[in-house]
Amino acid sequence: MNTKPTRSELRVLQLVASTRGKVNFYILHRRLFLSPAEIGIVVSNLVDLGYVKTTDTGIELTEKGFKYIYSSRTMIADSTEKVWLTVPGEFTTQRIDPYQPFAPSYTKFLEGRTRQKKVV
């Protein structure tokens, strides 16, 4: 059994903690965009770890869950990093000093100008 929660499990723990320790299964589906099968897997893993317990309509945090969230709050905060905001390395160039003169590449300019548009 894995003792470290996965990313989806961390997201569920974060949501449950932000809703005063209780959350409905439908809210998990709506806010985290998890399918019912994914919710079942994640919740059963969290129950096995002892972080949550199930109720009739949802889940609630246990004392162990509260302690885990409090002790690893930086890890949970870092797990929600927006990876789509980082620019891939292939699209970045060397940083230029703001006070250094810059002239674009003339050859790249010519390559763009020599391409003719097709007239239909």
PDB file of N, CA and C in Angstrom:
ATOM      1  N   MET A   1       0.844  -1.182   0.000  1.00  0.00           N
ATOM      2  CA  MET A   1       0.000   0.000   0.000  1.00  0.00           C
ATOM      3  C   MET A   1       0.884   1.238   0.000  1.00  0.00           C
ATOM      4  N   ASN A   2       0.579   2.176  -0.839  1.00  0.00           N
ATOM      5  CA  ASN A   2       1.334   3.427  -0.965  1.00  0.00           C
ATOM      6  C   ASN A   2       0.973   4.351   0.193  1.00  0.00           C
ATOM      7  N   THR A   3       1.981   4.857   0.914  1.00  0.00           N
ATOM      8  CA  THR A   3       1.703   5.722   2.063  1.00  0.00           C
ATOM      9  C   THR A   3       1.674   7.188   1.679  1.00  0.00           C
ATOM     10  N   LYS A   4       2.115   7.541   0.477  1.00  0.00           N
ATOM     11  CA  LYS A   4       2.102   8.929   0.037  1.00  0.00           C
ATOM     12  C   LYS A   4       0.937   9.130  -0.937  1.00  0.00           C
ATOM     13  N   PRO A   5       0.051  10.082  -0.660  1.00  0.00           N
ATOM     14  CA  PRO A   5      -1.101  10.291  -1.552  1.00  0.00           C
ATOM     15  C   PRO A   5      -0.676  10.767  -2.942  1.00  0.00           C
ATOM     16  N   THR A   6      -1.462  10.366  -3.944  1.00  0.00           N
ATOM     17  CA  THR A   6      -1.211  10.801  -5.315  1.00  0.00           C
ATOM     18  C   THR A   6      -1.714  12.236  -5.483  1.00  0.00           C
ATOM     19  N   ARG A   7      -1.499  12.780  -6.659  1.00  0.00           N
ATOM     20  CA  ARG A   7      -1.926  14.162  -6.932  1.00  0.00           C
ATOM     21  C   ARG A   7      -3.448  14.316  -6.810  1.00  0.00           C
ATOM     22  N   SER A   8      -4.199  13.358  -7.340  1.00  0.00           N
ATOM     23  CA  SER A   8      -5.664  13.427  -7.235  1.00  0.00           C
ATOM     24  C   SER A   8      -6.109  13.334  -5.785  1.00  0.00           C
ATOM     25  N   GLU A   9      -5.445  12.484  -5.011  1.00  0.00           N
ATOM     26  CA  GLU A   9      -5.791  12.359  -3.601  1.00  0.00           C
ATOM     27  C   GLU A   9      -5.473  13.644  -2.844  1.00  0.00           C
ATOM     28  N   LEU A  10      -4.369  14.303  -3.197  1.00  0.00           N
ATOM     29  CA  LEU A  10      -4.044  15.580  -2.570  1.00  0.00           C
ATOM     30  C   LEU A  10      -5.081  16.646  -2.905  1.00  0.00           C
ATOM     31  N   ARG A  11      -5.558  16.645  -4.149  1.00  0.00           N
ATOM     32  CA  ARG A  11      -6.590  17.602  -4.544  1.00  0.00           C
ATOM     33  C   ARG A  11      -7.880  17.370  -3.758  1.00  0.00           C
ATOM     34  N   VAL A  12      -8.237  16.091  -3.555  1.00  0.00           N
ATOM     35  CA  VAL A  12      -9.436  15.774  -2.786  1.00  0.00           C
ATOM     36  C   VAL A  12      -9.250  16.204  -1.336  1.00  0.00           C
ATOM     37  N   LEU A  13      -8.084  15.916  -0.766  1.00  0.00           N
ATOM     38  CA  LEU A  13      -7.821  16.339   0.611  1.00  0.00           C
ATOM     39  C   LEU A  13      -7.886  17.854   0.757  1.00  0.00           C
ATOM     40  N   GLN A  14      -7.344  18.548  -0.217  1.00  0.00           N
ATOM     41  CA  GLN A  14      -7.372  20.009  -0.177  1.00  0.00           C
ATOM     42  C   GLN A  14      -8.807  20.523  -0.245  1.00  0.00           C
ATOM     43  N   LEU A  15      -9.630  19.935  -1.087  1.00  0.00           N
ATOM     44  CA  LEU A  15     -11.024  20.361  -1.196  1.00  0.00           C
ATOM     45  C   LEU A  15     -11.791  20.064   0.088  1.00  0.00           C
ATOM     46  N   VAL A  16     -11.585  18.883   0.649  1.00  0.00           N
ATOM     47  CA  VAL A  16     -12.288  18.515   1.877  1.00  0.00           C
ATOM     48  C   VAL A  16     -11.875  19.449   3.014  1.00  0.00           C
ATOM     49  N   ALA A  17     -10.598  19.779   3.083  1.00  0.00           N
ATOM     50  CA  ALA A  17     -10.126  20.684   4.141  1.00  0.00           C
ATOM     51  C   ALA A  17     -10.699  22.085   3.962  1.00  0.00           C
ATOM     52  N   SER A  18     -10.894  22.523   2.730  1.00  0.00           N
ATOM     53  CA  SER A  18     -11.415  23.869   2.497  1.00  0.00           C
ATOM     54  C   SER A  18     -12.921  23.961   2.731  1.00  0.00           C
ATOM     55  N   THR A  19     -13.593  22.816   2.836  1.00  0.00           N
ATOM     56  CA  THR A  19     -15.037  22.819   3.079  1.00  0.00           C
ATOM     57  C   THR A  19     -15.360  22.335   4.487  1.00  0.00           C
ATOM     58  N   ARG A  20     -14.544  22.717   5.432  1.00  0.00           N
ATOM     59  CA  ARG A  20     -14.762  22.406   6.860  1.00  0.00           C
ATOM     60  C   ARG A  20     -14.788  20.922   7.164  1.00  0.00           C
ATOM     61  N   GLY A  21     -14.062  20.132   6.405  1.00  0.00           N
ATOM     62  CA  GLY A  21     -13.902  18.718   6.729  1.00  0.00           C
ATOM     63  C   GLY A  21     -14.940  17.781   6.166  1.00  0.00           C
ATOM     64  N   LYS A  22     -15.951  18.284   5.469  1.00  0.00           N
ATOM     65  CA  LYS A  22     -16.973  17.415   4.874  1.00  0.00           C
ATOM     66  C   LYS A  22     -17.230  17.858   3.448  1.00  0.00           C
ATOM     67  N   VAL A  23     -17.439  16.889   2.568  1.00  0.00           N
ATOM     68  CA  VAL A  23     -17.769  17.214   1.179  1.00  0.00           C
ATOM     69  C   VAL A  23     -18.632  16.098   0.591  1.00  0.00           C
ATOM     70  N   ASN A  24     -19.533  16.493  -0.283  1.00  0.00           N
ATOM     71  CA  ASN A  24     -20.436  15.591  -0.973  1.00  0.00           C
ATOM     72  C   ASN A  24     -19.724  14.991  -2.186  1.00  0.00           C
ATOM     73  N   PHE A  25     -20.091  13.771  -2.579  1.00  0.00           N
ATOM     74  CA  PHE A  25     -19.470  13.140  -3.745  1.00  0.00           C
ATOM     75  C   PHE A  25     -19.733  13.944  -5.016  1.00  0.00           C
ATOM     76  N   TYR A  26     -20.910  14.535  -5.121  1.00  0.00           N
ATOM     77  CA  TYR A  26     -21.223  15.311  -6.313  1.00  0.00           C
ATOM     78  C   TYR A  26     -20.344  16.556  -6.402  1.00  0.00           C
ATOM     79  N   ILE A  27     -20.029  17.162  -5.264  1.00  0.00           N
ATOM     80  CA  ILE A  27     -19.140  18.318  -5.251  1.00  0.00           C
ATOM     81  C   ILE A  27     -17.741  17.908  -5.722  1.00  0.00           C
ATOM     82  N   LEU A  28     -17.299  16.725  -5.305  1.00  0.00           N
ATOM     83  CA  LEU A  28     -15.998  16.223  -5.796  1.00  0.00           C
ATOM     84  C   LEU A  28     -16.004  16.133  -7.317  1.00  0.00           C
ATOM     85  N   HIS A  29     -17.090  15.609  -7.850  1.00  0.00           N
ATOM     86  CA  HIS A  29     -17.214  15.466  -9.308  1.00  0.00           C
ATOM     87  C   HIS A  29     -17.241  16.824  -9.999  1.00  0.00           C
ATOM     88  N   ARG A  30     -18.012  17.765  -9.467  1.00  0.00           N
ATOM     89  CA  ARG A  30     -18.168  19.075 -10.111  1.00  0.00           C
ATOM     90  C   ARG A  30     -16.920  19.942 -10.009  1.00  0.00           C
ATOM     91  N   ARG A  31     -16.286  19.973  -8.858  1.00  0.00           N
ATOM     92  CA  ARG A  31     -15.169  20.894  -8.667  1.00  0.00           C
ATOM     93  C   ARG A  31     -13.842  20.354  -9.159  1.00  0.00           C
ATOM     94  N   LEU A  32     -13.636  19.047  -9.068  1.00  0.00           N
ATOM     95  CA  LEU A  32     -12.346  18.470  -9.456  1.00  0.00           C
ATOM     96  C   LEU A  32     -12.387  17.775 -10.808  1.00  0.00           C
ATOM     97  N   PHE A  33     -13.557  17.732 -11.423  1.00  0.00           N
ATOM     98  CA  PHE A  33     -13.730  17.110 -12.747  1.00  0.00           C
ATOM     99  C   PHE A  33     -13.251  15.657 -12.756  1.00  0.00           C
ATOM    100  N   LEU A  34     -13.581  14.933 -11.694  1.00  0.00           N
ATOM    101  CA  LEU A  34     -13.242  13.520 -11.608  1.00  0.00           C
ATOM    102  C   LEU A  34     -14.455  12.694 -11.992  1.00  0.00           C
ATOM    103  N   SER A  35     -14.206  11.587 -12.672  1.00  0.00           N
ATOM    104  CA  SER A  35     -15.310  10.696 -13.024  1.00  0.00           C
ATOM    105  C   SER A  35     -15.720   9.914 -11.772  1.00  0.00           C
ATOM    106  N   PRO A  36     -16.909   9.311 -11.780  1.00  0.00           N
ATOM    107  CA  PRO A  36     -17.315   8.517 -10.618  1.00  0.00           C
ATOM    108  C   PRO A  36     -16.342   7.372 -10.320  1.00  0.00           C
ATOM    109  N   ALA A  37     -15.771   6.771 -11.354  1.00  0.00           N
ATOM    110  CA  ALA A  37     -14.792   5.704 -11.122  1.00  0.00           C
ATOM    111  C   ALA A  37     -13.539   6.249 -10.438  1.00  0.00           C
ATOM    112  N   GLU A  38     -13.066   7.416 -10.892  1.00  0.00           N
ATOM    113  CA  GLU A  38     -11.894   8.028 -10.266  1.00  0.00           C
ATOM    114  C   GLU A  38     -12.185   8.418  -8.825  1.00  0.00           C
ATOM    115  N   ILE A  39     -13.386   8.932  -8.569  1.00  0.00           N
ATOM    116  CA  ILE A  39     -13.762   9.296  -7.205  1.00  0.00           C
ATOM    117  C   ILE A  39     -13.750   8.054  -6.318  1.00  0.00           C
ATOM    118  N   GLY A  40     -14.278   6.952  -6.822  1.00  0.00           N
ATOM    119  CA  GLY A  40     -14.284   5.707  -6.047  1.00  0.00           C
ATOM    120  C   GLY A  40     -12.890   5.227  -5.705  1.00  0.00           C
ATOM    121  N   ILE A  41     -11.980   5.299  -6.693  1.00  0.00           N
ATOM    122  CA  ILE A  41     -10.599   4.851  -6.465  1.00  0.00           C
ATOM    123  C   ILE A  41      -9.901   5.758  -5.464  1.00  0.00           C
ATOM    124  N   VAL A  42     -10.033   7.068  -5.660  1.00  0.00           N
ATOM    125  CA  VAL A  42      -9.363   8.032  -4.790  1.00  0.00           C
ATOM    126  C   VAL A  42      -9.887   7.932  -3.364  1.00  0.00           C
ATOM    127  N   VAL A  43     -11.203   7.857  -3.211  1.00  0.00           N
ATOM    128  CA  VAL A  43     -11.787   7.789  -1.874  1.00  0.00           C
ATOM    129  C   VAL A  43     -11.398   6.492  -1.180  1.00  0.00           C
ATOM    130  N   SER A  44     -11.413   5.377  -1.899  1.00  0.00           N
ATOM    131  CA  SER A  44     -11.030   4.112  -1.256  1.00  0.00           C
ATOM    132  C   SER A  44      -9.563   4.127  -0.834  1.00  0.00           C
ATOM    133  N   ASN A  45      -8.699   4.761  -1.644  1.00  0.00           N
ATOM    134  CA  ASN A  45      -7.293   4.878  -1.251  1.00  0.00           C
ATOM    135  C   ASN A  45      -7.138   5.754  -0.015  1.00  0.00           C
ATOM    136  N   LEU A  46      -7.885   6.857   0.040  1.00  0.00           N
ATOM    137  CA  LEU A  46      -7.811   7.743   1.210  1.00  0.00           C
ATOM    138  C   LEU A  46      -8.390   7.088   2.457  1.00  0.00           C
ATOM    139  N   VAL A  47      -9.425   6.264   2.288  1.00  0.00           N
ATOM    140  CA  VAL A  47      -9.974   5.522   3.427  1.00  0.00           C
ATOM    141  C   VAL A  47      -8.950   4.499   3.911  1.00  0.00           C
ATOM    142  N   ASP A  48      -8.275   3.818   2.974  1.00  0.00           N
ATOM    143  CA  ASP A  48      -7.237   2.849   3.349  1.00  0.00           C
ATOM    144  C   ASP A  48      -6.087   3.519   4.091  1.00  0.00           C
ATOM    145  N   LEU A  49      -5.746   4.752   3.684  1.00  0.00           N
ATOM    146  CA  LEU A  49      -4.692   5.486   4.366  1.00  0.00           C
ATOM    147  C   LEU A  49      -5.154   6.028   5.716  1.00  0.00           C
ATOM    148  N   GLY A  50      -6.471   6.098   5.925  1.00  0.00           N
ATOM    149  CA  GLY A  50      -7.021   6.582   7.184  1.00  0.00           C
ATOM    150  C   GLY A  50      -7.207   8.080   7.243  1.00  0.00           C
ATOM    151  N   TYR A  51      -7.153   8.771   6.098  1.00  0.00           N
ATOM    152  CA  TYR A  51      -7.275  10.220   6.074  1.00  0.00           C
ATOM    153  C   TYR A  51      -8.722  10.688   6.032  1.00  0.00           C
ATOM    154  N   VAL A  52      -9.620   9.886   5.479  1.00  0.00           N
ATOM    155  CA  VAL A  52     -11.033  10.245   5.406  1.00  0.00           C
ATOM    156  C   VAL A  52     -11.880   9.044   5.797  1.00  0.00           C
ATOM    157  N   LYS A  53     -13.135   9.313   6.118  1.00  0.00           N
ATOM    158  CA  LYS A  53     -14.115   8.242   6.307  1.00  0.00           C
ATOM    159  C   LYS A  53     -15.337   8.601   5.475  1.00  0.00           C
ATOM    160  N   THR A  54     -16.031   7.584   5.006  1.00  0.00           N
ATOM    161  CA  THR A  54     -17.182   7.825   4.142  1.00  0.00           C
ATOM    162  C   THR A  54     -18.444   7.966   4.991  1.00  0.00           C
ATOM    163  N   THR A  55     -19.347   8.788   4.488  1.00  0.00           N
ATOM    164  CA  THR A  55     -20.683   8.924   5.071  1.00  0.00           C
ATOM    165  C   THR A  55     -21.677   8.456   4.012  1.00  0.00           C
ATOM    166  N   ASP A  56     -22.946   8.667   4.248  1.00  0.00           N
ATOM    167  CA  ASP A  56     -23.955   8.241   3.276  1.00  0.00           C
ATOM    168  C   ASP A  56     -23.836   8.990   1.956  1.00  0.00           C
ATOM    169  N   THR A  57     -23.522  10.280   2.001  1.00  0.00           N
ATOM    170  CA  THR A  57     -23.522  11.084   0.776  1.00  0.00           C
ATOM    171  C   THR A  57     -22.165  11.655   0.426  1.00  0.00           C
ATOM    172  N   GLY A  58     -21.144  11.421   1.219  1.00  0.00           N
ATOM    173  CA  GLY A  58     -19.846  12.014   0.916  1.00  0.00           C
ATOM    174  C   GLY A  58     -18.745  11.490   1.808  1.00  0.00           C
ATOM    175  N   ILE A  59     -17.745  12.328   2.017  1.00  0.00           N
ATOM    176  CA  ILE A  59     -16.605  11.949   2.853  1.00  0.00           C
ATOM    177  C   ILE A  59     -16.330  13.071   3.849  1.00  0.00           C
ATOM    178  N   GLU A  60     -15.657  12.711   4.928  1.00  0.00           N
ATOM    179  CA  GLU A  60     -15.216  13.716   5.889  1.00  0.00           C
ATOM    180  C   GLU A  60     -13.835  13.327   6.398  1.00  0.00           C
ATOM    181  N   LEU A  61     -13.084  14.340   6.786  1.00  0.00           N
ATOM    182  CA  LEU A  61     -11.720  14.132   7.255  1.00  0.00           C
ATOM    183  C   LEU A  61     -11.706  13.492   8.636  1.00  0.00           C
ATOM    184  N   THR A  62     -10.722  12.642   8.848  1.00  0.00           N
ATOM    185  CA  THR A  62     -10.493  12.087  10.176  1.00  0.00           C
ATOM    186  C   THR A  62      -9.434  12.935  10.869  1.00  0.00           C
ATOM    187  N   GLU A  63      -9.170  12.616  12.106  1.00  0.00           N
ATOM    188  CA  GLU A  63      -8.131  13.331  12.854  1.00  0.00           C
ATOM    189  C   GLU A  63      -6.771  13.134  12.175  1.00  0.00           C
ATOM    190  N   LYS A  64      -6.521  11.923  11.690  1.00  0.00           N
ATOM    191  CA  LYS A  64      -5.269  11.654  10.976  1.00  0.00           C
ATOM    192  C   LYS A  64      -5.177  12.489   9.703  1.00  0.00           C
ATOM    193  N   GLY A  65      -6.306  12.689   9.027  1.00  0.00           N
ATOM    194  CA  GLY A  65      -6.333  13.511   7.828  1.00  0.00           C
ATOM    195  C   GLY A  65      -6.017  14.960   8.123  1.00  0.00           C
ATOM    196  N   PHE A  66      -6.605  15.489   9.207  1.00  0.00           N
ATOM    197  CA  PHE A  66      -6.304  16.862   9.611  1.00  0.00           C
ATOM    198  C   PHE A  66      -4.818  17.021   9.924  1.00  0.00           C
ATOM    199  N   LYS A  67      -4.263  16.058  10.651  1.00  0.00           N
ATOM    200  CA  LYS A  67      -2.837  16.127  11.003  1.00  0.00           C
ATOM    201  C   LYS A  67      -1.961  16.060   9.754  1.00  0.00           C
ATOM    202  N   TYR A  68      -2.346  15.198   8.793  1.00  0.00           N
ATOM    203  CA  TYR A  68      -1.554  15.083   7.567  1.00  0.00           C
ATOM    204  C   TYR A  68      -1.588  16.388   6.773  1.00  0.00           C
ATOM    205  N   ILE A  69      -2.756  16.987   6.633  1.00  0.00           N
ATOM    206  CA  ILE A  69      -2.871  18.241   5.886  1.00  0.00           C
ATOM    207  C   ILE A  69      -2.084  19.349   6.571  1.00  0.00           C
ATOM    208  N   TYR A  70      -2.158  19.405   7.891  1.00  0.00           N
ATOM    209  CA  TYR A  70      -1.428  20.444   8.616  1.00  0.00           C
ATOM    210  C   TYR A  70       0.079  20.238   8.498  1.00  0.00           C
ATOM    211  N   SER A  71       0.533  18.982   8.592  1.00  0.00           N
ATOM    212  CA  SER A  71       1.977  18.729   8.550  1.00  0.00           C
ATOM    213  C   SER A  71       2.559  18.881   7.150  1.00  0.00           C
ATOM    214  N   SER A  72       1.763  18.684   6.114  1.00  0.00           N
ATOM    215  CA  SER A  72       2.281  18.751   4.742  1.00  0.00           C
ATOM    216  C   SER A  72       1.588  19.841   3.945  1.00  0.00           C
ATOM    217  N   ARG A  73       1.262  20.954   4.582  1.00  0.00           N
ATOM    218  CA  ARG A  73       0.532  22.014   3.878  1.00  0.00           C
ATOM    219  C   ARG A  73       1.340  22.650   2.759  1.00  0.00           C
ATOM    220  N   THR A  74       2.670  22.691   2.867  1.00  0.00           N
ATOM    221  CA  THR A  74       3.468  23.250   1.762  1.00  0.00           C
ATOM    222  C   THR A  74       3.449  22.323   0.565  1.00  0.00           C
ATOM    223  N   MET A  75       3.465  21.015   0.799  1.00  0.00           N
ATOM    224  CA  MET A  75       3.424  20.064  -0.309  1.00  0.00           C
ATOM    225  C   MET A  75       2.078  20.148  -1.017  1.00  0.00           C
ATOM    226  N   ILE A  76       1.007  20.294  -0.261  1.00  0.00           N
ATOM    227  CA  ILE A  76      -0.322  20.391  -0.865  1.00  0.00           C
ATOM    228  C   ILE A  76      -0.442  21.690  -1.649  1.00  0.00           C
ATOM    229  N   ALA A  77       0.101  22.774  -1.135  1.00  0.00           N
ATOM    230  CA  ALA A  77       0.052  24.051  -1.851  1.00  0.00           C
ATOM    231  C   ALA A  77       0.861  23.983  -3.134  1.00  0.00           C
ATOM    232  N   ASP A  78       2.016  23.307  -3.107  1.00  0.00           N
ATOM    233  CA  ASP A  78       2.846  23.195  -4.304  1.00  0.00           C
ATOM    234  C   ASP A  78       2.238  22.258  -5.334  1.00  0.00           C
ATOM    235  N   SER A  79       1.364  21.349  -4.914  1.00  0.00           N
ATOM    236  CA  SER A  79       0.802  20.382  -5.857  1.00  0.00           C
ATOM    237  C   SER A  79      -0.218  21.019  -6.782  1.00  0.00           C
ATOM    238  N   THR A  80      -0.660  22.226  -6.452  1.00  0.00           N
ATOM    239  CA  THR A  80      -1.640  22.890  -7.302  1.00  0.00           C
ATOM    240  C   THR A  80      -0.981  23.888  -8.236  1.00  0.00           C
ATOM    241  N   GLU A  81       0.292  23.696  -8.531  1.00  0.00           N
ATOM    242  CA  GLU A  81       1.007  24.597  -9.430  1.00  0.00           C
ATOM    243  C   GLU A  81       0.390  24.536 -10.819  1.00  0.00           C
ATOM    244  N   LYS A  82       0.252  25.657 -11.442  1.00  0.00           N
ATOM    245  CA  LYS A  82      -0.353  25.724 -12.772  1.00  0.00           C
ATOM    246  C   LYS A  82       0.742  25.499 -13.815  1.00  0.00           C
ATOM    247  N   VAL A  83       0.890  24.248 -14.234  1.00  0.00           N
ATOM    248  CA  VAL A  83       1.973  23.896 -15.135  1.00  0.00           C
ATOM    249  C   VAL A  83       1.788  24.497 -16.525  1.00  0.00           C
ATOM    250  N   TRP A  84       0.573  24.857 -16.891  1.00  0.00           N
ATOM    251  CA  TRP A  84       0.357  25.429 -18.220  1.00  0.00           C
ATOM    252  C   TRP A  84       0.861  26.861 -18.318  1.00  0.00           C
ATOM    253  N   LEU A  85       1.235  27.465 -17.195  1.00  0.00           N
ATOM    254  CA  LEU A  85       1.757  28.823 -17.224  1.00  0.00           C
ATOM    255  C   LEU A  85       3.249  28.882 -17.511  1.00  0.00           C
ATOM    256  N   THR A  86       3.954  27.767 -17.366  1.00  0.00           N
ATOM    257  CA  THR A  86       5.390  27.767 -17.617  1.00  0.00           C
ATOM    258  C   THR A  86       5.649  27.559 -19.102  1.00  0.00           C
ATOM    259  N   VAL A  87       6.590  28.307 -19.639  1.00  0.00           N
ATOM    260  CA  VAL A  87       6.920  28.242 -21.056  1.00  0.00           C
ATOM    261  C   VAL A  87       7.947  27.123 -21.257  1.00  0.00           C
ATOM    262  N   PRO A  88       7.719  26.197 -22.206  1.00  0.00           N
ATOM    263  CA  PRO A  88       8.680  25.131 -22.452  1.00  0.00           C
ATOM    264  C   PRO A  88      10.028  25.701 -22.908  1.00  0.00           C
ATOM    265  N   GLY A  89      11.085  24.978 -22.639  1.00  0.00           N
ATOM    266  CA  GLY A  89      12.434  25.431 -22.960  1.00  0.00           C
ATOM    267  C   GLY A  89      12.674  25.664 -24.435  1.00  0.00           C
ATOM    268  N   GLU A  90      11.995  24.923 -25.291  1.00  0.00           N
ATOM    269  CA  GLU A  90      12.207  25.086 -26.734  1.00  0.00           C
ATOM    270  C   GLU A  90      11.697  26.422 -27.250  1.00  0.00           C
ATOM    271  N   PHE A  91      10.852  27.100 -26.486  1.00  0.00           N
ATOM    272  CA  PHE A  91      10.304  28.377 -26.908  1.00  0.00           C
ATOM    273  C   PHE A  91      10.952  29.567 -26.215  1.00  0.00           C
ATOM    274  N   THR A  92      11.905  29.320 -25.365  1.00  0.00           N
ATOM    275  CA  THR A  92      12.570  30.416 -24.669  1.00  0.00           C
ATOM    276  C   THR A  92      13.944  30.659 -25.271  1.00  0.00           C
ATOM    277  N   THR A  93      14.416  31.877 -25.169  1.00  0.00           N
ATOM    278  CA  THR A  93      15.750  32.225 -25.645  1.00  0.00           C
ATOM    279  C   THR A  93      16.533  32.809 -24.488  1.00  0.00           C
ATOM    280  N   GLN A  94      17.753  33.177 -24.790  1.00  0.00           N
ATOM    281  CA  GLN A  94      18.598  33.751 -23.764  1.00  0.00           C
ATOM    282  C   GLN A  94      18.057  35.126 -23.367  1.00  0.00           C
ATOM    283  N   ARG A  95      18.038  35.394 -22.079  1.00  0.00           N
ATOM    284  CA  ARG A  95      17.548  36.682 -21.597  1.00  0.00           C
ATOM    285  C   ARG A  95      18.505  37.787 -22.010  1.00  0.00           C
ATOM    286  N   ILE A  96      17.935  38.923 -22.378  1.00  0.00           N
ATOM    287  CA  ILE A  96      18.726  40.070 -22.814  1.00  0.00           C
ATOM    288  C   ILE A  96      18.614  41.153 -21.750  1.00  0.00           C
ATOM    289  N   ASP A  97      19.739  41.782 -21.466  1.00  0.00           N
ATOM    290  CA  ASP A  97      19.741  42.896 -20.522  1.00  0.00           C
ATOM    291  C   ASP A  97      18.858  44.008 -21.081  1.00  0.00           C
ATOM    292  N   PRO A  98      17.993  44.612 -20.266  1.00  0.00           N
ATOM    293  CA  PRO A  98      17.100  45.644 -20.798  1.00  0.00           C
ATOM    294  C   PRO A  98      17.829  46.851 -21.369  1.00  0.00           C
ATOM    295  N   TYR A  99      19.077  47.079 -20.960  1.00  0.00           N
ATOM    296  CA  TYR A  99      19.817  48.246 -21.437  1.00  0.00           C
ATOM    297  C   TYR A  99      20.789  47.902 -22.566  1.00  0.00           C
ATOM    298  N   GLN A 100      20.800  46.641 -22.986  1.00  0.00           N
ATOM    299  CA  GLN A 100      21.674  46.225 -24.081  1.00  0.00           C
ATOM    300  C   GLN A 100      20.945  46.434 -25.412  1.00  0.00           C
ATOM    301  N   PRO A 101      21.600  47.021 -26.397  1.00  0.00           N
ATOM    302  CA  PRO A 101      20.932  47.204 -27.695  1.00  0.00           C
ATOM    303  C   PRO A 101      20.643  45.851 -28.340  1.00  0.00           C
ATOM    304  N   PHE A 102      19.536  45.796 -29.044  1.00  0.00           N
ATOM    305  CA  PHE A 102      19.114  44.549 -29.670  1.00  0.00           C
ATOM    306  C   PHE A 102      18.647  44.840 -31.088  1.00  0.00           C
ATOM    307  N   ALA A 103      19.108  43.999 -32.000  1.00  0.00           N
ATOM    308  CA  ALA A 103      18.644  44.084 -33.383  1.00  0.00           C
ATOM    309  C   ALA A 103      18.213  42.690 -33.802  1.00  0.00           C
ATOM    310  N   PRO A 104      17.040  42.559 -34.381  1.00  0.00           N
ATOM    311  CA  PRO A 104      16.600  41.231 -34.812  1.00  0.00           C
ATOM    312  C   PRO A 104      17.495  40.693 -35.923  1.00  0.00           C
ATOM    313  N   SER A 105      17.453  39.380 -36.097  1.00  0.00           N
ATOM    314  CA  SER A 105      18.256  38.721 -37.124  1.00  0.00           C
ATOM    315  C   SER A 105      17.734  39.104 -38.510  1.00  0.00           C
ATOM    316  N   TYR A 106      18.610  39.683 -39.330  1.00  0.00           N
ATOM    317  CA  TYR A 106      18.220  40.120 -40.666  1.00  0.00           C
ATOM    318  C   TYR A 106      17.941  38.928 -41.569  1.00  0.00           C
ATOM    319  N   THR A 107      18.676  37.829 -41.385  1.00  0.00           N
ATOM    320  CA  THR A 107      18.457  36.653 -42.242  1.00  0.00           C
ATOM    321  C   THR A 107      17.092  36.027 -41.967  1.00  0.00           C
ATOM    322  N   LYS A 108      16.683  35.998 -40.723  1.00  0.00           N
ATOM    323  CA  LYS A 108      15.358  35.456 -40.417  1.00  0.00           C
ATOM    324  C   LYS A 108      14.273  36.372 -40.983  1.00  0.00           C
ATOM    325  N   PHE A 109      14.551  37.669 -41.004  1.00  0.00           N
ATOM    326  CA  PHE A 109      13.611  38.608 -41.596  1.00  0.00           C
ATOM    327  C   PHE A 109      13.475  38.341 -43.094  1.00  0.00           C
ATOM    328  N   LEU A 110      14.596  38.115 -43.757  1.00  0.00           N
ATOM    329  CA  LEU A 110      14.555  37.840 -45.192  1.00  0.00           C
ATOM    330  C   LEU A 110      13.873  36.520 -45.503  1.00  0.00           C
ATOM    331  N   GLU A 111      14.093  35.513 -44.673  1.00  0.00           N
ATOM    332  CA  GLU A 111      13.436  34.228 -44.896  1.00  0.00           C
ATOM    333  C   GLU A 111      11.918  34.392 -44.868  1.00  0.00           C
ATOM    334  N   GLY A 112      11.421  35.203 -43.976  1.00  0.00           N
ATOM    335  CA  GLY A 112       9.979  35.422 -43.888  1.00  0.00           C
ATOM    336  C   GLY A 112       9.452  36.214 -45.056  1.00  0.00           C
ATOM    337  N   ARG A 113      10.262  37.122 -45.612  1.00  0.00           N
ATOM    338  CA  ARG A 113       9.798  37.961 -46.721  1.00  0.00           C
ATOM    339  C   ARG A 113       9.823  37.222 -48.045  1.00  0.00           C
ATOM    340  N   THR A 114      10.688  36.208 -48.197  1.00  0.00           N
ATOM    341  CA  THR A 114      10.795  35.532 -49.483  1.00  0.00           C
ATOM    342  C   THR A 114       9.645  34.570 -49.716  1.00  0.00           C
ATOM    343  N   ARG A 115       8.940  34.211 -48.671  1.00  0.00           N
ATOM    344  CA  ARG A 115       7.785  33.319 -48.846  1.00  0.00           C
ATOM    345  C   ARG A 115       6.662  34.122 -49.500  1.00  0.00           C
ATOM    346  N   GLN A 116       6.206  33.667 -50.601  1.00  0.00           N
ATOM    347  CA  GLN A 116       5.157  34.333 -51.354  1.00  0.00           C
ATOM    348  C   GLN A 116       3.796  33.739 -50.955  1.00  0.00           C
ATOM    349  N   LYS A 117       2.816  34.575 -50.839  1.00  0.00           N
ATOM    350  CA  LYS A 117       1.470  34.085 -50.589  1.00  0.00           C
ATOM    351  C   LYS A 117       0.886  33.599 -51.905  1.00  0.00           C
ATOM    352  N   LYS A 118       0.197  32.493 -51.841  1.00  0.00           N
ATOM    353  CA  LYS A 118      -0.448  31.963 -53.040  1.00  0.00           C
ATOM    354  C   LYS A 118      -1.736  32.718 -53.281  1.00  0.00           C
ATOM    355  N   VAL A 119      -1.931  33.105 -54.538  1.00  0.00           N
ATOM    356  CA  VAL A 119      -3.154  33.802 -54.919  1.00  0.00           C
ATOM    357  C   VAL A 119      -4.110  32.763 -55.472  1.00  0.00           C
ATOM    358  N   VAL A 120      -5.286  32.754 -54.963  1.00  0.00           N
ATOM    359  CA  VAL A 120      -6.269  31.765 -55.393  1.00  0.00           C
ATOM    360  C   VAL A 120      -7.134  32.318 -56.471  1.00  0.00           C
TER     361      VAL A 120
END
